[in-house]
Amino acid sequence: MPPELKGRFALQYPSKLLGSYNGAMKAKDLHNIPDVQSSPDLRKLAIDKVGIKAIRHPIQIMQRAGGVQHTIASFNMYVGLPHHFKGTHMSRFVEILSAHEREITVDSFQGMVKEMVAKLEAEEGVVEMTFAYFVDKAAPVSGVKSLMDYEVTFVSQILGGAQCFAMKVLVPVTSLCPCSKGISERGAHNQRSHVTVTAHTGEFVWIEELVDLVEKQASSELYGLLKRPDEKYVTERAYDNPKFVEDMVRDVAAVLNLDERITKFVVESENFESIHNHSAYALIERDKTAG
């Protein structure tokens, strides 16, 4: 309503009527809001991934020892956008997460990608959730317990009409250089390493199973808390079990090759060198279904 008429209108009609008039006008305006993202695009360039990143939501993760672990995950949610659409409906991604008022479980996570693809009228999509997972570990000699945290990512994807699931686990370990041990009269340089396994699974696999697999192949595993006898043990264990970065990925890959539940995997190792200002890195990728 023009400002010069608003005062005159308010004098002639009660405020309740004025409020009803404004409400009706607002409702009418809402119906006329243009849907810009659904408008056509003439560049004929499809987008492989479009969506939202780094939105947090509570989740529940089953523990191998029993019970569930409550934690917070960071979600990435994407769909493929056909070339003829200008944009996707970003709010719908948040609506899907918000529909889960309580924590998301592994089962409900698997269903989210189907819900997302349907709601956004897409043919392909991916949902990723990354979270800290804690394992209660006992030191090797003293038995003192402490928590170790591991970064875990679940990925559920619909691609080419098929749905697949992958679990990515980053495991920090110790690696000791065989070359340094072989040429030194005293000691050998060692470092903390990050071994990352991305496993595509056809059957259920515990997070702890991948953690255990990696730690057994390392020069030594890590612990949150060590007493002096424990520190002596892990130092000597690493010295007796030297590994190049190449050894690390090969040894882990050899064990993954034997697990029939895992259909495809990527193994990466990054050694944060203690005597160099760079990292050493190696990667093995294998698709068992490729023959």
Protein backbone atom coordinates (compact mmCIF):
# COMPACT_ATOMS: atom_id res chain seq x y z
CA MET A 1 0.00 0.00 0.00
CA PRO A 2 1.38 3.45 -0.89
CA PRO A 3 2.55 5.40 2.20
CA GLU A 4 0.25 8.36 1.47
CA LEU A 5 -2.81 6.08 1.59
CA LYS A 6 -1.76 3.94 4.53
CA GLY A 7 -2.49 6.60 7.18
CA ARG A 8 -5.90 7.47 5.66
CA PHE A 9 -6.80 3.76 5.42
CA ALA A 10 -5.87 3.20 9.07
CA LEU A 11 -8.16 6.06 10.16
CA GLN A 12 -11.15 4.68 8.28
CA TYR A 13 -10.73 0.97 9.10
CA PRO A 14 -9.86 -0.89 12.34
CA SER A 15 -6.31 -2.16 12.80
CA LYS A 16 -7.52 -5.78 12.64
CA LEU A 17 -8.80 -5.22 9.10
CA LEU A 18 -5.54 -3.55 8.16
CA GLY A 19 -3.61 -6.59 9.45
CA SER A 20 -5.84 -8.95 7.47
CA TYR A 21 -5.26 -6.88 4.34
CA ASN A 22 -1.47 -6.99 4.82
CA GLY A 23 -1.57 -10.74 5.49
CA ALA A 24 -3.53 -11.37 2.32
CA MET A 25 -1.09 -9.30 0.32
CA LYS A 26 1.89 -11.22 1.77
CA ALA A 27 0.25 -14.58 1.01
CA LYS A 28 -0.36 -13.42 -2.54
CA ASP A 29 3.28 -12.35 -2.85
CA LEU A 30 4.49 -15.75 -1.62
CA HIS A 31 2.61 -17.49 -4.41
CA ASN A 32 4.27 -15.22 -6.96
CA ILE A 33 7.89 -15.81 -5.84
CA PRO A 34 9.86 -17.01 -8.89
CA ASP A 35 11.62 -20.39 -8.73
CA VAL A 36 14.88 -19.20 -10.26
CA GLN A 37 16.90 -22.39 -9.74
CA SER A 38 14.36 -24.37 -11.79
CA SER A 39 14.63 -22.03 -14.75
CA PRO A 40 16.34 -23.36 -17.88
CA ASP A 41 20.06 -22.98 -18.53
CA LEU A 42 21.29 -22.62 -22.12
CA ARG A 43 25.00 -23.41 -21.65
CA LYS A 44 24.41 -27.19 -21.99
CA LEU A 45 26.92 -28.07 -19.27
CA ALA A 46 25.86 -30.68 -16.73
CA ILE A 47 27.32 -30.43 -13.20
CA ASP A 48 28.80 -33.61 -11.73
CA LYS A 49 28.33 -32.60 -8.08
CA VAL A 50 26.31 -29.80 -6.54
CA GLY A 51 25.05 -29.58 -2.98
CA ILE A 52 26.16 -28.66 0.53
CA LYS A 53 29.31 -29.30 2.56
CA ALA A 54 30.29 -29.41 6.21
CA ILE A 55 26.86 -29.45 7.86
CA ARG A 56 26.95 -31.16 11.25
CA HIS A 57 24.42 -33.58 12.72
CA PRO A 58 24.40 -36.08 15.63
CA ILE A 59 24.87 -39.76 14.76
CA GLN A 60 24.95 -43.17 16.44
CA ILE A 61 27.61 -45.75 15.53
CA MET A 62 27.53 -49.37 16.64
CA GLN A 63 30.59 -50.59 18.54
CA ARG A 64 32.08 -54.03 18.07
CA ALA A 65 32.32 -54.39 21.85
CA GLY A 66 28.59 -53.72 22.17
CA GLY A 67 26.42 -50.66 22.57
CA VAL A 68 26.51 -47.51 20.48
CA GLN A 69 28.77 -44.48 20.35
CA HIS A 70 27.18 -41.04 20.11
CA THR A 71 29.17 -38.51 18.14
CA ILE A 72 28.85 -35.61 15.70
CA ALA A 73 29.41 -36.05 11.98
CA SER A 74 30.14 -33.51 9.26
CA PHE A 75 28.00 -34.21 6.19
CA ASN A 76 28.60 -33.53 2.50
CA MET A 77 25.59 -34.07 0.24
CA TYR A 78 25.69 -33.80 -3.55
CA VAL A 79 23.60 -34.67 -6.59
CA GLY A 80 24.31 -34.55 -10.30
CA LEU A 81 22.58 -31.61 -12.03
CA PRO A 82 21.39 -32.04 -15.65
CA HIS A 83 22.54 -29.38 -18.09
CA HIS A 84 19.08 -27.90 -18.62
CA PHE A 85 18.59 -26.89 -14.94
CA LYS A 86 20.07 -23.60 -13.72
CA GLY A 87 20.45 -24.73 -10.11
CA THR A 88 19.49 -27.29 -7.48
CA HIS A 89 17.27 -26.79 -4.39
CA MET A 90 19.87 -26.33 -1.64
CA SER A 91 17.27 -26.16 1.15
CA ARG A 92 16.12 -29.71 0.40
CA PHE A 93 19.46 -31.14 1.47
CA VAL A 94 19.03 -29.55 4.89
CA GLU A 95 15.42 -30.72 5.06
CA ILE A 96 16.55 -34.33 4.63
CA LEU A 97 18.97 -34.04 7.56
CA SER A 98 16.47 -32.12 9.69
CA ALA A 99 13.89 -34.87 9.17
CA HIS A 100 16.14 -37.05 11.36
CA GLU A 101 15.36 -35.33 14.65
CA ARG A 102 17.43 -37.82 16.59
CA GLU A 103 20.80 -39.31 15.73
CA ILE A 104 21.34 -40.86 12.34
CA THR A 105 22.27 -44.56 12.39
CA VAL A 106 24.20 -46.55 9.79
CA ASP A 107 20.93 -47.99 8.47
CA SER A 108 19.22 -44.60 8.12
CA PHE A 109 22.39 -43.18 6.56
CA GLN A 110 22.20 -45.79 3.81
CA GLY A 111 18.63 -44.71 3.03
CA MET A 112 19.44 -40.99 2.93
CA VAL A 113 21.01 -41.06 -0.52
CA LYS A 114 17.88 -42.67 -2.00
CA GLU A 115 15.70 -40.07 -0.30
CA MET A 116 17.96 -37.26 -1.49
CA VAL A 117 18.04 -38.39 -5.13
CA ALA A 118 14.26 -38.77 -5.18
CA LYS A 119 13.57 -35.43 -3.49
CA LEU A 120 15.91 -33.52 -5.78
CA GLU A 121 14.75 -35.37 -8.91
CA ALA A 122 18.32 -36.46 -9.68
CA GLU A 123 19.71 -39.65 -11.21
CA GLU A 124 22.95 -39.70 -9.22
CA GLY A 125 23.97 -38.59 -5.76
CA VAL A 126 26.38 -39.11 -2.88
CA VAL A 127 26.23 -38.58 0.89
CA GLU A 128 29.41 -38.50 2.98
CA MET A 129 29.64 -38.31 6.75
CA THR A 130 32.94 -37.90 8.58
CA PHE A 131 33.27 -38.35 12.33
CA ALA A 132 35.71 -39.11 15.13
CA TYR A 133 35.44 -42.68 16.39
CA PHE A 134 36.96 -43.63 19.75
CA VAL A 135 38.40 -46.99 20.75
CA ASP A 136 39.34 -47.92 24.32
CA LYS A 137 42.88 -49.37 24.15
CA ALA A 138 45.06 -50.99 26.79
CA ALA A 139 48.80 -50.26 26.82
CA PRO A 140 50.88 -53.33 25.85
CA VAL A 141 52.74 -53.86 29.15
CA SER A 142 51.08 -51.91 31.97
CA GLY A 143 47.57 -52.50 30.63
CA VAL A 144 46.58 -48.91 31.46
CA LYS A 145 43.58 -47.91 29.35
CA SER A 146 43.07 -44.78 27.29
CA LEU A 147 41.06 -43.62 24.31
CA MET A 148 42.42 -43.52 20.75
CA ASP A 149 40.49 -41.55 18.15
CA TYR A 150 40.27 -42.41 14.45
CA GLU A 151 38.83 -40.35 11.62
CA VAL A 152 36.12 -42.32 9.83
CA THR A 153 34.10 -41.47 6.72
CA PHE A 154 31.05 -43.34 5.43
CA VAL A 155 30.15 -42.81 1.78
CA SER A 156 26.85 -43.89 0.23
CA GLN A 157 26.46 -43.29 -3.49
CA ILE A 158 24.00 -43.90 -6.31
CA LEU A 159 25.83 -44.06 -9.63
CA GLY A 160 24.52 -45.51 -12.87
CA GLY A 161 21.37 -46.69 -11.10
CA ALA A 162 23.30 -48.80 -8.55
CA GLN A 163 23.94 -48.00 -4.88
CA CYS A 164 27.28 -48.68 -3.23
CA PHE A 165 28.80 -48.13 0.21
CA ALA A 166 32.39 -47.38 1.21
CA MET A 167 34.07 -46.91 4.58
CA LYS A 168 37.24 -44.82 4.92
CA VAL A 169 39.36 -45.08 8.06
CA LEU A 170 42.48 -43.03 8.85
CA VAL A 171 44.76 -44.93 11.23
CA PRO A 172 47.81 -43.20 12.80
CA VAL A 173 50.75 -45.56 13.36
CA THR A 174 54.53 -45.59 13.81
CA SER A 175 56.89 -46.45 10.94
CA LEU A 176 60.64 -47.01 11.29
CA CYS A 177 62.93 -46.66 8.26
CA PRO A 178 64.69 -49.92 7.25
CA CYS A 179 67.41 -47.98 5.41
CA SER A 180 68.17 -45.84 8.44
CA LYS A 181 68.38 -48.94 10.61
CA GLY A 182 70.65 -50.68 8.11
CA ILE A 183 73.22 -47.88 7.80
CA SER A 184 73.25 -46.45 11.35
CA GLU A 185 75.45 -47.68 14.16
CA ARG A 186 72.99 -46.37 16.73
CA GLY A 187 69.24 -46.08 16.37
CA ALA A 188 67.09 -45.34 13.31
CA HIS A 189 64.73 -42.55 12.41
CA ASN A 190 61.04 -43.22 12.86
CA GLN A 191 57.91 -41.14 12.48
CA ARG A 192 54.18 -41.05 12.85
CA SER A 193 52.36 -42.18 9.73
CA HIS A 194 48.77 -41.93 8.54
CA VAL A 195 47.51 -45.05 6.82
CA THR A 196 44.14 -44.57 5.15
CA VAL A 197 42.00 -47.47 3.93
CA THR A 198 38.95 -46.85 1.76
CA ALA A 199 37.03 -50.12 1.50
CA HIS A 200 33.99 -50.77 -0.69
CA THR A 201 32.09 -53.51 1.07
CA GLY A 202 29.44 -55.99 0.01
CA GLU A 203 28.93 -57.21 3.57
CA PHE A 204 29.13 -55.69 7.04
CA VAL A 205 32.62 -54.79 8.29
CA TRP A 206 33.37 -53.29 11.70
CA ILE A 207 35.37 -50.07 11.92
CA GLU A 208 37.60 -51.82 14.45
CA GLU A 209 38.42 -54.55 11.93
CA LEU A 210 40.04 -52.08 9.54
CA VAL A 211 41.83 -50.37 12.43
CA ASP A 212 43.21 -53.69 13.69
CA LEU A 213 44.29 -54.72 10.20
CA VAL A 214 46.35 -51.55 9.67
CA GLU A 215 47.89 -51.49 13.15
CA LYS A 216 49.13 -55.08 12.81
CA GLN A 217 51.04 -54.17 9.62
CA ALA A 218 52.73 -51.07 11.06
CA SER A 219 56.12 -50.92 12.72
CA SER A 220 54.13 -50.22 15.88
CA GLU A 221 50.64 -49.07 16.75
CA LEU A 222 49.93 -45.93 18.75
CA TYR A 223 48.34 -45.54 22.18
CA GLY A 224 46.76 -42.61 23.99
CA LEU A 225 48.69 -43.29 27.21
CA LEU A 226 51.96 -45.13 27.83
CA LYS A 227 53.92 -45.81 31.01
CA ARG A 228 57.71 -46.22 30.86
CA PRO A 229 57.61 -50.02 30.35
CA ASP A 230 55.09 -49.48 27.54
CA GLU A 231 57.26 -46.84 25.89
CA LYS A 232 60.25 -49.21 25.98
CA TYR A 233 58.11 -51.93 24.39
CA VAL A 234 56.72 -49.88 21.49
CA THR A 235 60.13 -48.30 20.74
CA GLU A 236 61.83 -51.70 20.55
CA ARG A 237 58.93 -53.21 18.62
CA ALA A 238 59.22 -50.52 15.95
CA TYR A 239 63.01 -51.06 15.77
CA ASP A 240 62.48 -54.81 15.28
CA ASN A 241 59.80 -54.24 12.64
CA PRO A 242 61.05 -51.59 10.17
CA LYS A 243 58.76 -50.59 7.27
CA PHE A 244 59.19 -48.39 4.21
CA VAL A 245 56.07 -46.51 3.10
CA GLU A 246 55.98 -49.00 0.20
CA ASP A 247 56.02 -51.93 2.67
CA MET A 248 53.12 -50.42 4.58
CA VAL A 249 50.70 -50.18 1.65
CA ARG A 250 51.73 -53.57 0.24
CA ASP A 251 51.27 -55.38 3.54
CA VAL A 252 47.86 -53.81 4.17
CA ALA A 253 46.73 -54.47 0.58
CA ALA A 254 47.80 -58.12 0.83
CA VAL A 255 45.45 -58.66 3.78
CA LEU A 256 42.59 -56.75 2.12
CA ASN A 257 42.98 -58.97 -0.94
CA LEU A 258 42.08 -61.98 1.21
CA ASP A 259 38.86 -60.47 2.63
CA GLU A 260 35.97 -61.48 0.37
CA ARG A 261 33.66 -58.93 1.97
CA ILE A 262 35.72 -56.12 0.45
CA THR A 263 35.10 -55.67 -3.28
CA LYS A 264 37.32 -52.66 -3.96
CA PHE A 265 39.88 -50.76 -1.91
CA VAL A 266 42.39 -47.94 -1.81
CA VAL A 267 45.32 -48.01 0.63
CA GLU A 268 47.37 -44.86 1.22
CA SER A 269 50.25 -44.21 3.57
CA GLU A 270 51.81 -40.86 4.36
CA ASN A 271 54.93 -40.86 6.50
CA PHE A 272 55.63 -37.50 8.16
CA GLU A 273 59.39 -37.81 7.92
CA SER A 274 61.36 -36.89 11.02
CA ILE A 275 64.66 -36.12 9.18
CA HIS A 276 63.18 -34.50 6.05
CA ASN A 277 60.95 -31.48 5.48
CA HIS A 278 58.58 -33.54 3.34
CA SER A 279 56.38 -36.60 3.59
CA ALA A 280 56.87 -40.00 1.95
CA TYR A 281 53.73 -41.31 0.24
CA ALA A 282 52.44 -44.47 -1.45
CA LEU A 283 49.09 -45.72 -2.75
CA ILE A 284 47.63 -49.01 -3.97
CA GLU A 285 44.18 -49.23 -5.56
CA ARG A 286 42.43 -52.44 -6.55
CA ASP A 287 38.97 -53.31 -7.88
CA LYS A 288 38.42 -57.03 -7.25
CA THR A 289 35.31 -57.08 -9.42
CA ALA A 290 37.35 -56.05 -12.46
CA GLY A 291 38.90 -59.53 -12.65
